[in-house]
Amino acid sequence: MAFKIEQGLFSLNFTDYHAILGVAIDADLKEIRKRYLQVARRLHPDSNSIADETDRQRAANLLSKLVNPAYEKLSQEKNYSEYCILVRLKGQQALQQQETVALTADAALKLAAASDVDNTYRAALRELSSRQYEQLDQAIDFIGQISELNLVYLMRKEKRKESPLPSPQSLSSNSASKTATAQAPAPAAQPTPAAPPTRDALIESYLWRAQEFENRKDFSKAILELREALKLEPTNSTCHSRLGVVFFKTNQLTMARIHFNKALELNPQDAVALEGKRKLEGPGSKTAAAKPDAKGKKPNAGGGGLFGLFGGKK
C-alpha cells in the first residue's frame, strides 16, 4: 500500500517525519520516543485491539512504511541534527515562495493569522495528534494537516528570525541533562554554541558519503546521497556531474548523459562533466564500443581518463 501526502512540507518534496509521528518541530529525543511508543502500541498487531481485518492491515502498513522509518530517522541524535537543519531550510524556502503556498487545513489557516504563534501551534498539534491514529482510514489526512501546521509554524518563526528547532545541545534526554546539572557546579561561562552547518557544508557531506559508497561499489546508495543533495540544491553542477559518473559506471548511459548535460548547462567548465561527455560520445565510448576498428578490435570502453579523473578503479 502506497501513501501519498501532498500537504505542508510534503508538497515541497520533503518527508515530514515530525508530522508522521505527531510531535512538535522542536521535540527532543525523549518526547519523540514517548510518542513513538504510544503510536506503535496503537498500530502493532501484537498490542492493538483492532478487529476489522482491513484496519489491521492498514495499521501494519502505517507502522512499517511510515511510523517506523520516521522514528528511525528522528531517534538518532546525529541524524536528527542534520534533519532539523534541512527542515529549517525548507521553512526558509517556503517563506521565500509564500505566494505559492496553498493552505487547506483549518489549524494551519488559524495559525497563519494567530498573534500567539507558539501557544496556538502547540494547542492545534495536541488536538490533531490525539486523533491522528484513532480512525486509521483518516490517518493520512491528519498527517497532512499536521504537516501544514508545521509548515506555517516554520514560516512564522523564520519571518521573526527565530529558530523553531532544537539546538544540538538540547536533543539529549531532559532528565539526563537535569541530573548532570544537579551534580556539577555551574560553570563560570557558557561556551558559545557551534553554528549549524551551512548549506554548502551539507552538500559537501552528501558528496563525501556518495564518494565513499561509490568507492565501495555500492552505487545505489551513492545515487540516493546525490539525489538528496540535489533536493537541497537542484542547481549544483558538481552533484549532477557526480550522478553522471555513477550512472556511467552502472552502464545507465541515458541517465549519465542527462546529468552530464545538466552539469554543463549550469557550469560549462565542469571538468568531470566534460570528461564524461567525451567518454560517452568519443570513439572510445561505450555507445560506440560495438563498432570494431580497422584491425577488427573493439575500442576499450572501460579504461582511459574518466575513471582516473573520478578517482575510481578500472
C-alpha atoms as a PDB file:
ATOM      1  CA  MET A   1       0.000   0.000   0.000  1.00  0.00           C
ATOM      2  CA  ALA A   2       1.456   3.369  -1.079  1.00  0.00           C
ATOM      3  CA  PHE A   3       0.778   6.510   0.943  1.00  0.00           C
ATOM      4  CA  LYS A   4       0.519   9.785  -0.950  1.00  0.00           C
ATOM      5  CA  ILE A   5       0.679  13.016   1.068  1.00  0.00           C
ATOM      6  CA  GLU A   6       0.740  16.355  -0.726  1.00  0.00           C
ATOM      7  CA  GLN A   7       0.172  18.905   2.042  1.00  0.00           C
ATOM      8  CA  GLY A   8       2.568  21.024   4.057  1.00  0.00           C
ATOM      9  CA  LEU A   9       6.243  20.099   3.895  1.00  0.00           C
ATOM     10  CA  PHE A  10       5.390  17.078   1.756  1.00  0.00           C
ATOM     11  CA  SER A  11       4.382  19.491  -1.024  1.00  0.00           C
ATOM     12  CA  LEU A  12       7.999  20.721  -1.056  1.00  0.00           C
ATOM     13  CA  ASN A  13       9.295  17.252  -1.966  1.00  0.00           C
ATOM     14  CA  PHE A  14      10.243  16.633   1.662  1.00  0.00           C
ATOM     15  CA  THR A  15       9.212  13.908   4.116  1.00  0.00           C
ATOM     16  CA  ASP A  16       7.837  15.443   7.312  1.00  0.00           C
ATOM     17  CA  TYR A  17       8.770  12.825   9.911  1.00  0.00           C
ATOM     18  CA  HIS A  18       7.558  15.093  12.716  1.00  0.00           C
ATOM     19  CA  ALA A  19       4.087  15.087  11.187  1.00  0.00           C
ATOM     20  CA  ILE A  20       4.081  11.304  10.770  1.00  0.00           C
ATOM     21  CA  LEU A  21       4.769  10.841  14.485  1.00  0.00           C
ATOM     22  CA  GLY A  22       2.644  13.805  15.523  1.00  0.00           C
ATOM     23  CA  VAL A  23       5.413  15.542  17.503  1.00  0.00           C
ATOM     24  CA  ALA A  24       6.330  19.213  17.621  1.00  0.00           C
ATOM     25  CA  ILE A  25       9.033  20.578  15.353  1.00  0.00           C
ATOM     26  CA  ASP A  26      11.171  21.319  18.406  1.00  0.00           C
ATOM     27  CA  ALA A  27      10.567  17.984  20.180  1.00  0.00           C
ATOM     28  CA  ASP A  28      13.575  16.446  21.905  1.00  0.00           C
ATOM     29  CA  LEU A  29      14.575  12.785  21.676  1.00  0.00           C
ATOM     30  CA  LYS A  30      12.745  11.855  24.880  1.00  0.00           C
ATOM     31  CA  GLU A  31       9.471  13.312  23.589  1.00  0.00           C
ATOM     32  CA  ILE A  32       9.938  11.587  20.235  1.00  0.00           C
ATOM     33  CA  ARG A  33      10.466   8.192  21.882  1.00  0.00           C
ATOM     34  CA  LYS A  34       7.433   8.632  24.144  1.00  0.00           C
ATOM     35  CA  ARG A  35       5.181   9.495  21.226  1.00  0.00           C
ATOM     36  CA  TYR A  36       6.555   6.685  19.072  1.00  0.00           C
ATOM     37  CA  LEU A  37       5.772   4.098  21.754  1.00  0.00           C
ATOM     38  CA  GLN A  38       2.206   5.413  22.011  1.00  0.00           C
ATOM     39  CA  VAL A  39       1.670   5.175  18.267  1.00  0.00           C
ATOM     40  CA  ALA A  40       3.417   1.807  17.949  1.00  0.00           C
ATOM     41  CA  ARG A  41       1.187   0.297  20.651  1.00  0.00           C
ATOM     42  CA  ARG A  42      -1.823   1.547  18.753  1.00  0.00           C
ATOM     43  CA  LEU A  43      -0.683   0.076  15.429  1.00  0.00           C
ATOM     44  CA  HIS A  44       1.331  -3.042  16.268  1.00  0.00           C
ATOM     45  CA  PRO A  45      -0.569  -6.312  15.644  1.00  0.00           C
ATOM     46  CA  ASP A  46       0.591  -7.777  18.978  1.00  0.00           C
ATOM     47  CA  SER A  47      -0.756  -4.918  21.059  1.00  0.00           C
ATOM     48  CA  ASN A  48      -3.723  -3.361  19.263  1.00  0.00           C
ATOM     49  CA  SER A  49      -7.321  -4.463  19.654  1.00  0.00           C
ATOM     50  CA  ILE A  50      -8.373  -3.823  16.073  1.00  0.00           C
ATOM     51  CA  ALA A  51     -10.962  -6.376  14.977  1.00  0.00           C
ATOM     52  CA  ASP A  52     -11.550  -5.337  11.371  1.00  0.00           C
ATOM     53  CA  GLU A  53      -9.093  -7.115   9.069  1.00  0.00           C
ATOM     54  CA  THR A  54      -8.863  -4.153   6.677  1.00  0.00           C
ATOM     55  CA  ASP A  55      -7.937  -1.852   9.535  1.00  0.00           C
ATOM     56  CA  ARG A  56      -5.442  -4.365  10.892  1.00  0.00           C
ATOM     57  CA  GLN A  57      -3.684  -4.429   7.530  1.00  0.00           C
ATOM     58  CA  ARG A  58      -3.840  -0.642   7.306  1.00  0.00           C
ATOM     59  CA  ALA A  59      -2.313  -0.373  10.790  1.00  0.00           C
ATOM     60  CA  ALA A  60       0.507  -2.725   9.860  1.00  0.00           C
ATOM     61  CA  ASN A  61       1.275  -0.704   6.725  1.00  0.00           C
ATOM     62  CA  LEU A  62       1.218   2.609   8.582  1.00  0.00           C
ATOM     63  CA  LEU A  63       3.603   1.213  11.181  1.00  0.00           C
ATOM     64  CA  SER A  64       6.076  -0.397   8.796  1.00  0.00           C
ATOM     65  CA  LYS A  65       6.077   2.153   5.982  1.00  0.00           C
ATOM     66  CA  LEU A  66       5.636   5.453   7.809  1.00  0.00           C
ATOM     67  CA  VAL A  67       5.934   5.334  11.596  1.00  0.00           C
ATOM     68  CA  ASN A  68       8.955   3.053  11.999  1.00  0.00           C
ATOM     69  CA  PRO A  69      11.020   4.850   9.322  1.00  0.00           C
ATOM     70  CA  ALA A  70      10.107   8.207  10.895  1.00  0.00           C
ATOM     71  CA  TYR A  71      11.257   7.071  14.319  1.00  0.00           C
ATOM     72  CA  GLU A  72      14.440   5.595  12.885  1.00  0.00           C
ATOM     73  CA  LYS A  73      15.229   8.953  11.269  1.00  0.00           C
ATOM     74  CA  LEU A  74      14.459  11.081  14.326  1.00  0.00           C
ATOM     75  CA  SER A  75      15.708   8.855  17.137  1.00  0.00           C
ATOM     76  CA  GLN A  76      19.437   9.115  16.431  1.00  0.00           C
ATOM     77  CA  GLU A  77      20.976  12.372  17.557  1.00  0.00           C
ATOM     78  CA  LYS A  78      23.281  12.843  14.562  1.00  0.00           C
ATOM     79  CA  ASN A  79      20.567  12.086  12.017  1.00  0.00           C
ATOM     80  CA  TYR A  80      18.103  14.293  13.875  1.00  0.00           C
ATOM     81  CA  SER A  81      20.524  17.231  13.972  1.00  0.00           C
ATOM     82  CA  GLU A  82      21.057  17.031  10.204  1.00  0.00           C
ATOM     83  CA  TYR A  83      17.338  16.545   9.571  1.00  0.00           C
ATOM     84  CA  CYS A  84      16.435  19.599  11.666  1.00  0.00           C
ATOM     85  CA  ILE A  85      18.766  21.728   9.552  1.00  0.00           C
ATOM     86  CA  LEU A  86      17.010  20.531   6.404  1.00  0.00           C
ATOM     87  CA  VAL A  87      13.625  21.272   8.000  1.00  0.00           C
ATOM     88  CA  ARG A  88      14.671  24.837   8.688  1.00  0.00           C
ATOM     89  CA  LEU A  89      15.947  25.280   5.137  1.00  0.00           C
ATOM     90  CA  LYS A  90      12.557  24.120   3.862  1.00  0.00           C
ATOM     91  CA  GLY A  91      10.908  26.718   6.099  1.00  0.00           C
ATOM     92  CA  GLN A  92      13.152  29.401   4.602  1.00  0.00           C
ATOM     93  CA  GLN A  93      12.326  28.172   1.101  1.00  0.00           C
ATOM     94  CA  ALA A  94       8.587  28.284   1.825  1.00  0.00           C
ATOM     95  CA  LEU A  95       8.840  31.807   3.228  1.00  0.00           C
ATOM     96  CA  GLN A  96      10.610  32.970   0.081  1.00  0.00           C
ATOM     97  CA  GLN A  97       7.894  31.348  -2.033  1.00  0.00           C
ATOM     98  CA  GLN A  98       4.966  32.120   0.267  1.00  0.00           C
ATOM     99  CA  GLU A  99       2.777  33.332  -2.598  1.00  0.00           C
ATOM    100  CA  THR A 100       2.673  29.769  -3.912  1.00  0.00           C
ATOM    101  CA  VAL A 101       1.933  28.071  -0.555  1.00  0.00           C
ATOM    102  CA  ALA A 102      -1.644  26.763  -0.509  1.00  0.00           C
ATOM    103  CA  LEU A 103      -3.265  26.073   2.865  1.00  0.00           C
ATOM    104  CA  THR A 104      -6.366  23.905   3.237  1.00  0.00           C
ATOM    105  CA  ALA A 105      -6.345  22.766   6.901  1.00  0.00           C
ATOM    106  CA  ASP A 106      -8.258  24.872   9.441  1.00  0.00           C
ATOM    107  CA  ALA A 107      -5.479  24.565  12.010  1.00  0.00           C
ATOM    108  CA  ALA A 108      -2.860  25.900   9.582  1.00  0.00           C
ATOM    109  CA  LEU A 109      -5.114  28.780   8.491  1.00  0.00           C
ATOM    110  CA  LYS A 110      -5.712  29.791  12.112  1.00  0.00           C
ATOM    111  CA  LEU A 111      -2.003  29.622  12.900  1.00  0.00           C
ATOM    112  CA  ALA A 112      -1.225  31.810   9.885  1.00  0.00           C
ATOM    113  CA  ALA A 113      -3.370  34.580  11.401  1.00  0.00           C
ATOM    114  CA  ALA A 114      -2.621  33.969  15.109  1.00  0.00           C
ATOM    115  CA  SER A 115      -0.853  36.556  17.269  1.00  0.00           C
ATOM    116  CA  ASP A 116       0.382  33.946  19.780  1.00  0.00           C
ATOM    117  CA  VAL A 117       2.234  31.641  17.411  1.00  0.00           C
ATOM    118  CA  ASP A 118       3.767  29.192  19.888  1.00  0.00           C
ATOM    119  CA  ASN A 119       0.688  28.517  22.031  1.00  0.00           C
ATOM    120  CA  THR A 120      -1.617  28.333  19.008  1.00  0.00           C
ATOM    121  CA  TYR A 121       0.743  25.861  17.336  1.00  0.00           C
ATOM    122  CA  ARG A 122       1.030  23.589  20.365  1.00  0.00           C
ATOM    123  CA  ALA A 123      -2.683  23.601  21.103  1.00  0.00           C
ATOM    124  CA  ALA A 124      -3.525  22.705  17.494  1.00  0.00           C
ATOM    125  CA  LEU A 125      -0.858  19.995  17.413  1.00  0.00           C
ATOM    126  CA  ARG A 126      -2.153  18.393  20.623  1.00  0.00           C
ATOM    127  CA  GLU A 127      -5.673  18.283  19.215  1.00  0.00           C
ATOM    128  CA  LEU A 128      -4.629  16.823  15.851  1.00  0.00           C
ATOM    129  CA  SER A 129      -2.159  14.279  17.226  1.00  0.00           C
ATOM    130  CA  SER A 130      -4.707  12.997  19.765  1.00  0.00           C
ATOM    131  CA  ARG A 131      -6.941  11.984  16.840  1.00  0.00           C
ATOM    132  CA  GLN A 132      -4.209  11.132  14.342  1.00  0.00           C
ATOM    133  CA  TYR A 133      -4.343   7.321  14.561  1.00  0.00           C
ATOM    134  CA  GLU A 134      -7.813   6.788  16.018  1.00  0.00           C
ATOM    135  CA  GLN A 135      -9.604   6.354  12.699  1.00  0.00           C
ATOM    136  CA  LEU A 136      -6.981   4.653  10.573  1.00  0.00           C
ATOM    137  CA  ASP A 137      -8.632   5.493   7.272  1.00  0.00           C
ATOM    138  CA  GLN A 138      -8.132   9.173   8.194  1.00  0.00           C
ATOM    139  CA  ALA A 139      -4.512   8.900   9.385  1.00  0.00           C
ATOM    140  CA  ILE A 140      -3.008  10.191   6.141  1.00  0.00           C
ATOM    141  CA  ASP A 141      -5.323  13.208   6.187  1.00  0.00           C
ATOM    142  CA  PHE A 142      -4.258  14.029   9.746  1.00  0.00           C
ATOM    143  CA  ILE A 143      -0.561  13.682   8.827  1.00  0.00           C
ATOM    144  CA  GLY A 144      -1.162  16.177   6.015  1.00  0.00           C
ATOM    145  CA  GLN A 145      -2.942  18.599   8.352  1.00  0.00           C
ATOM    146  CA  ILE A 146      -0.097  18.402  10.892  1.00  0.00           C
ATOM    147  CA  SER A 147       2.463  18.955   8.151  1.00  0.00           C
ATOM    148  CA  GLU A 148       0.598  22.074   7.027  1.00  0.00           C
ATOM    149  CA  LEU A 149       0.626  23.247  10.636  1.00  0.00           C
ATOM    150  CA  ASN A 150       4.382  22.583  10.820  1.00  0.00           C
ATOM    151  CA  LEU A 151       4.992  24.469   7.587  1.00  0.00           C
ATOM    152  CA  VAL A 152       3.125  27.553   8.769  1.00  0.00           C
ATOM    153  CA  TYR A 153       4.905  27.425  12.126  1.00  0.00           C
ATOM    154  CA  LEU A 154       8.292  27.295  10.402  1.00  0.00           C
ATOM    155  CA  MET A 155       7.370  30.201   8.145  1.00  0.00           C
ATOM    156  CA  ARG A 156       6.092  32.337  11.033  1.00  0.00           C
ATOM    157  CA  LYS A 157       9.218  31.681  13.090  1.00  0.00           C
ATOM    158  CA  GLU A 158      11.549  32.321  10.166  1.00  0.00           C
ATOM    159  CA  LYS A 159       9.795  35.610   9.461  1.00  0.00           C
ATOM    160  CA  ARG A 160      10.545  36.629  13.061  1.00  0.00           C
ATOM    161  CA  LYS A 161      14.167  35.448  12.677  1.00  0.00           C
ATOM    162  CA  GLU A 162      13.555  32.899  15.451  1.00  0.00           C
ATOM    163  CA  SER A 163      14.849  29.345  15.289  1.00  0.00           C
ATOM    164  CA  PRO A 164      11.968  26.893  15.771  1.00  0.00           C
ATOM    165  CA  LEU A 165      14.284  23.905  16.050  1.00  0.00           C
ATOM    166  CA  PRO A 166      16.126  22.353  18.988  1.00  0.00           C
ATOM    167  CA  SER A 167      19.817  23.048  19.331  1.00  0.00           C
ATOM    168  CA  PRO A 168      22.142  20.045  19.246  1.00  0.00           C
ATOM    169  CA  GLN A 169      22.784  20.537  22.980  1.00  0.00           C
ATOM    170  CA  SER A 170      19.069  20.142  23.783  1.00  0.00           C
ATOM    171  CA  LEU A 171      18.486  16.926  21.855  1.00  0.00           C
ATOM    172  CA  SER A 172      19.541  14.604  24.671  1.00  0.00           C
ATOM    173  CA  SER A 173      17.101  13.467  27.332  1.00  0.00           C
ATOM    174  CA  ASN A 174      15.909  16.227  29.651  1.00  0.00           C
ATOM    175  CA  SER A 175      16.322  14.011  32.674  1.00  0.00           C
ATOM    176  CA  ALA A 176      19.958  13.258  31.879  1.00  0.00           C
ATOM    177  CA  SER A 177      20.602  16.963  31.436  1.00  0.00           C
ATOM    178  CA  LYS A 178      18.975  17.820  34.750  1.00  0.00           C
ATOM    179  CA  THR A 179      20.950  15.120  36.571  1.00  0.00           C
ATOM    180  CA  ALA A 180      24.234  16.413  35.197  1.00  0.00           C
ATOM    181  CA  THR A 181      23.315  19.957  36.196  1.00  0.00           C
ATOM    182  CA  ALA A 182      22.468  18.892  39.748  1.00  0.00           C
ATOM    183  CA  GLN A 183      25.742  17.034  40.209  1.00  0.00           C
ATOM    184  CA  ALA A 184      28.090  19.655  38.800  1.00  0.00           C
ATOM    185  CA  PRO A 185      28.655  23.263  39.854  1.00  0.00           C
ATOM    186  CA  ALA A 186      27.558  25.932  37.438  1.00  0.00           C
ATOM    187  CA  PRO A 187      30.348  26.835  35.019  1.00  0.00           C
ATOM    188  CA  ALA A 188      31.721  30.336  35.075  1.00  0.00           C
ATOM    189  CA  ALA A 189      30.726  30.936  31.482  1.00  0.00           C
ATOM    190  CA  GLN A 190      28.769  29.004  28.879  1.00  0.00           C
ATOM    191  CA  PRO A 191      30.607  28.317  25.625  1.00  0.00           C
ATOM    192  CA  THR A 192      29.078  29.780  22.523  1.00  0.00           C
ATOM    193  CA  PRO A 193      27.095  27.048  20.678  1.00  0.00           C
ATOM    194  CA  ALA A 194      28.606  25.988  17.407  1.00  0.00           C
ATOM    195  CA  ALA A 195      26.855  27.383  14.372  1.00  0.00           C
ATOM    196  CA  PRO A 196      24.742  24.856  12.441  1.00  0.00           C
ATOM    197  CA  PRO A 197      26.247  23.537   9.215  1.00  0.00           C
ATOM    198  CA  THR A 198      25.700  25.746   6.196  1.00  0.00           C
ATOM    199  CA  ARG A 199      24.008  24.574   3.027  1.00  0.00           C
ATOM    200  CA  ASP A 200      27.421  24.204   1.392  1.00  0.00           C
ATOM    201  CA  ALA A 201      28.631  22.056   4.290  1.00  0.00           C
ATOM    202  CA  LEU A 202      25.611  19.787   3.947  1.00  0.00           C
ATOM    203  CA  ILE A 203      26.182  19.433   0.216  1.00  0.00           C
ATOM    204  CA  GLU A 204      29.807  18.536   0.887  1.00  0.00           C
ATOM    205  CA  SER A 205      28.750  15.857   3.365  1.00  0.00           C
ATOM    206  CA  TYR A 206      26.381  14.324   0.804  1.00  0.00           C
ATOM    207  CA  LEU A 207      29.138  14.346  -1.818  1.00  0.00           C
ATOM    208  CA  TRP A 208      31.619  12.780   0.599  1.00  0.00           C
ATOM    209  CA  ARG A 209      29.223   9.983   1.556  1.00  0.00           C
ATOM    210  CA  ALA A 210      28.385   9.393  -2.105  1.00  0.00           C
ATOM    211  CA  GLN A 211      32.080   9.065  -2.905  1.00  0.00           C
ATOM    212  CA  GLU A 212      32.515   6.566  -0.067  1.00  0.00           C
ATOM    213  CA  PHE A 213      29.650   4.429  -1.382  1.00  0.00           C
ATOM    214  CA  GLU A 214      30.988   4.739  -4.919  1.00  0.00           C
ATOM    215  CA  ASN A 215      34.418   3.564  -3.805  1.00  0.00           C
ATOM    216  CA  ARG A 216      32.765   0.523  -2.210  1.00  0.00           C
ATOM    217  CA  LYS A 217      30.795  -0.026  -5.442  1.00  0.00           C
ATOM    218  CA  ASP A 218      27.524   0.489  -3.554  1.00  0.00           C
ATOM    219  CA  PHE A 219      26.206   2.583  -6.411  1.00  0.00           C
ATOM    220  CA  SER A 220      22.534   2.588  -5.394  1.00  0.00           C
ATOM    221  CA  LYS A 221      23.377   4.303  -2.097  1.00  0.00           C
ATOM    222  CA  ALA A 222      25.676   6.740  -3.868  1.00  0.00           C
ATOM    223  CA  ILE A 223      22.770   7.700  -6.131  1.00  0.00           C
ATOM    224  CA  LEU A 224      20.490   8.218  -3.111  1.00  0.00           C
ATOM    225  CA  GLU A 225      23.020  10.522  -1.422  1.00  0.00           C
ATOM    226  CA  LEU A 226      23.437  12.616  -4.559  1.00  0.00           C
ATOM    227  CA  ARG A 227      19.701  12.878  -5.121  1.00  0.00           C
ATOM    228  CA  GLU A 228      19.257  14.072  -1.530  1.00  0.00           C
ATOM    229  CA  ALA A 229      21.891  16.718  -2.194  1.00  0.00           C
ATOM    230  CA  LEU A 230      20.026  17.844  -5.308  1.00  0.00           C
ATOM    231  CA  LYS A 231      16.808  18.185  -3.308  1.00  0.00           C
ATOM    232  CA  LEU A 232      18.699  20.699  -1.195  1.00  0.00           C
ATOM    233  CA  GLU A 233      20.325  22.462  -4.162  1.00  0.00           C
ATOM    234  CA  PRO A 234      18.921  21.411  -7.572  1.00  0.00           C
ATOM    235  CA  THR A 235      21.345  23.712  -9.450  1.00  0.00           C
ATOM    236  CA  ASN A 236      24.560  22.221  -8.063  1.00  0.00           C
ATOM    237  CA  SER A 237      26.623  21.236 -11.092  1.00  0.00           C
ATOM    238  CA  THR A 238      29.013  19.086  -9.057  1.00  0.00           C
ATOM    239  CA  CYS A 239      26.168  16.878  -7.817  1.00  0.00           C
ATOM    240  CA  HIS A 240      24.856  16.469 -11.371  1.00  0.00           C
ATOM    241  CA  SER A 241      28.277  15.558 -12.738  1.00  0.00           C
ATOM    242  CA  ARG A 242      28.843  13.043  -9.907  1.00  0.00           C
ATOM    243  CA  LEU A 243      25.471  11.442 -10.676  1.00  0.00           C
ATOM    244  CA  GLY A 244      26.578  11.218 -14.284  1.00  0.00           C
ATOM    245  CA  VAL A 245      29.702   9.363 -13.137  1.00  0.00           C
ATOM    246  CA  VAL A 246      27.744   6.826 -11.093  1.00  0.00           C
ATOM    247  CA  PHE A 247      25.241   6.221 -13.865  1.00  0.00           C
ATOM    248  CA  PHE A 248      28.111   5.784 -16.325  1.00  0.00           C
ATOM    249  CA  LYS A 249      29.740   3.217 -14.047  1.00  0.00           C
ATOM    250  CA  THR A 250      26.466   1.290 -13.812  1.00  0.00           C
ATOM    251  CA  ASN A 251      26.008   1.413 -17.614  1.00  0.00           C
ATOM    252  CA  GLN A 252      22.919   3.647 -17.378  1.00  0.00           C
ATOM    253  CA  LEU A 253      24.156   5.798 -20.223  1.00  0.00           C
ATOM    254  CA  THR A 254      20.984   7.777 -20.905  1.00  0.00           C
ATOM    255  CA  MET A 255      20.824   8.938 -17.278  1.00  0.00           C
ATOM    256  CA  ALA A 256      24.559   9.658 -17.329  1.00  0.00           C
ATOM    257  CA  ARG A 257      24.119  11.862 -20.397  1.00  0.00           C
ATOM    258  CA  ILE A 258      21.185  13.737 -18.808  1.00  0.00           C
ATOM    259  CA  HIS A 259      23.198  14.634 -15.715  1.00  0.00           C
ATOM    260  CA  PHE A 260      26.393  15.473 -17.589  1.00  0.00           C
ATOM    261  CA  ASN A 261      24.345  17.795 -19.836  1.00  0.00           C
ATOM    262  CA  LYS A 262      22.677  19.410 -16.833  1.00  0.00           C
ATOM    263  CA  ALA A 263      26.026  19.954 -15.129  1.00  0.00           C
ATOM    264  CA  LEU A 264      27.405  21.631 -18.237  1.00  0.00           C
ATOM    265  CA  GLU A 265      24.291  23.760 -18.586  1.00  0.00           C
ATOM    266  CA  LEU A 266      24.950  25.035 -15.052  1.00  0.00           C
ATOM    267  CA  ASN A 267      28.738  25.202 -15.384  1.00  0.00           C
ATOM    268  CA  PRO A 268      30.184  24.874 -18.907  1.00  0.00           C
ATOM    269  CA  GLN A 269      33.662  24.432 -17.383  1.00  0.00           C
ATOM    270  CA  ASP A 270      32.748  21.433 -15.184  1.00  0.00           C
ATOM    271  CA  ALA A 271      35.755  19.180 -15.821  1.00  0.00           C
ATOM    272  CA  VAL A 272      34.062  15.988 -14.670  1.00  0.00           C
ATOM    273  CA  ALA A 273      31.046  16.533 -16.912  1.00  0.00           C
ATOM    274  CA  LEU A 274      33.249  17.482 -19.877  1.00  0.00           C
ATOM    275  CA  GLU A 275      35.287  14.308 -19.470  1.00  0.00           C
ATOM    276  CA  GLY A 276      32.102  12.284 -19.033  1.00  0.00           C
ATOM    277  CA  LYS A 277      30.641  13.664 -22.252  1.00  0.00           C
ATOM    278  CA  ARG A 278      33.901  12.928 -24.041  1.00  0.00           C
ATOM    279  CA  LYS A 279      33.806   9.314 -22.873  1.00  0.00           C
ATOM    280  CA  LEU A 280      30.141   8.959 -23.824  1.00  0.00           C
ATOM    281  CA  GLU A 281      30.465  10.477 -27.284  1.00  0.00           C
ATOM    282  CA  GLY A 282      34.090   9.824 -28.280  1.00  0.00           C
ATOM    283  CA  PRO A 283      35.440   6.859 -30.286  1.00  0.00           C
ATOM    284  CA  GLY A 284      36.297   5.003 -27.076  1.00  0.00           C
ATOM    285  CA  SER A 285      32.862   5.439 -25.513  1.00  0.00           C
ATOM    286  CA  LYS A 286      30.518   2.643 -24.545  1.00  0.00           C
ATOM    287  CA  THR A 287      27.990   3.935 -27.036  1.00  0.00           C
ATOM    288  CA  ALA A 288      30.498   3.429 -29.812  1.00  0.00           C
ATOM    289  CA  ALA A 289      32.015   0.224 -28.495  1.00  0.00           C
ATOM    290  CA  ALA A 290      30.029  -2.030 -30.790  1.00  0.00           C
ATOM    291  CA  LYS A 291      31.989  -0.910 -33.860  1.00  0.00           C
ATOM    292  CA  PRO A 292      35.425  -2.556 -34.327  1.00  0.00           C
ATOM    293  CA  ASP A 293      38.326  -0.547 -35.628  1.00  0.00           C
ATOM    294  CA  ALA A 294      40.146  -1.141 -38.905  1.00  0.00           C
ATOM    295  CA  LYS A 295      42.121  -4.012 -37.361  1.00  0.00           C
ATOM    296  CA  GLY A 296      38.966  -5.734 -36.139  1.00  0.00           C
ATOM    297  CA  LYS A 297      39.454  -4.776 -32.475  1.00  0.00           C
ATOM    298  CA  LYS A 298      36.730  -3.165 -30.412  1.00  0.00           C
ATOM    299  CA  PRO A 299      37.596   0.031 -28.537  1.00  0.00           C
ATOM    300  CA  ASN A 300      38.129  -0.233 -24.792  1.00  0.00           C
ATOM    301  CA  ALA A 301      35.126   1.484 -23.152  1.00  0.00           C
ATOM    302  CA  GLY A 302      36.220   0.999 -19.595  1.00  0.00           C
ATOM    303  CA  GLY A 303      39.699   2.500 -19.497  1.00  0.00           C
ATOM    304  CA  GLY A 304      41.057   5.951 -20.001  1.00  0.00           C
ATOM    305  CA  GLY A 305      40.680   9.279 -18.279  1.00  0.00           C
ATOM    306  CA  LEU A 306      37.129   9.029 -16.952  1.00  0.00           C
ATOM    307  CA  PHE A 307      37.721   6.683 -14.043  1.00  0.00           C
ATOM    308  CA  GLY A 308      41.180   8.055 -13.444  1.00  0.00           C
ATOM    309  CA  LEU A 309      39.753  11.564 -13.138  1.00  0.00           C
ATOM    310  CA  PHE A 310      37.000  10.424 -10.819  1.00  0.00           C
ATOM    311  CA  GLY A 311      39.299   8.530  -8.511  1.00  0.00           C
ATOM    312  CA  GLY A 312      37.682   5.155  -9.067  1.00  0.00           C
ATOM    313  CA  LYS A 313      39.124   1.897 -10.297  1.00  0.00           C
ATOM    314  CA  LYS A 314      39.121   0.497 -13.801  1.00  0.00           C
END
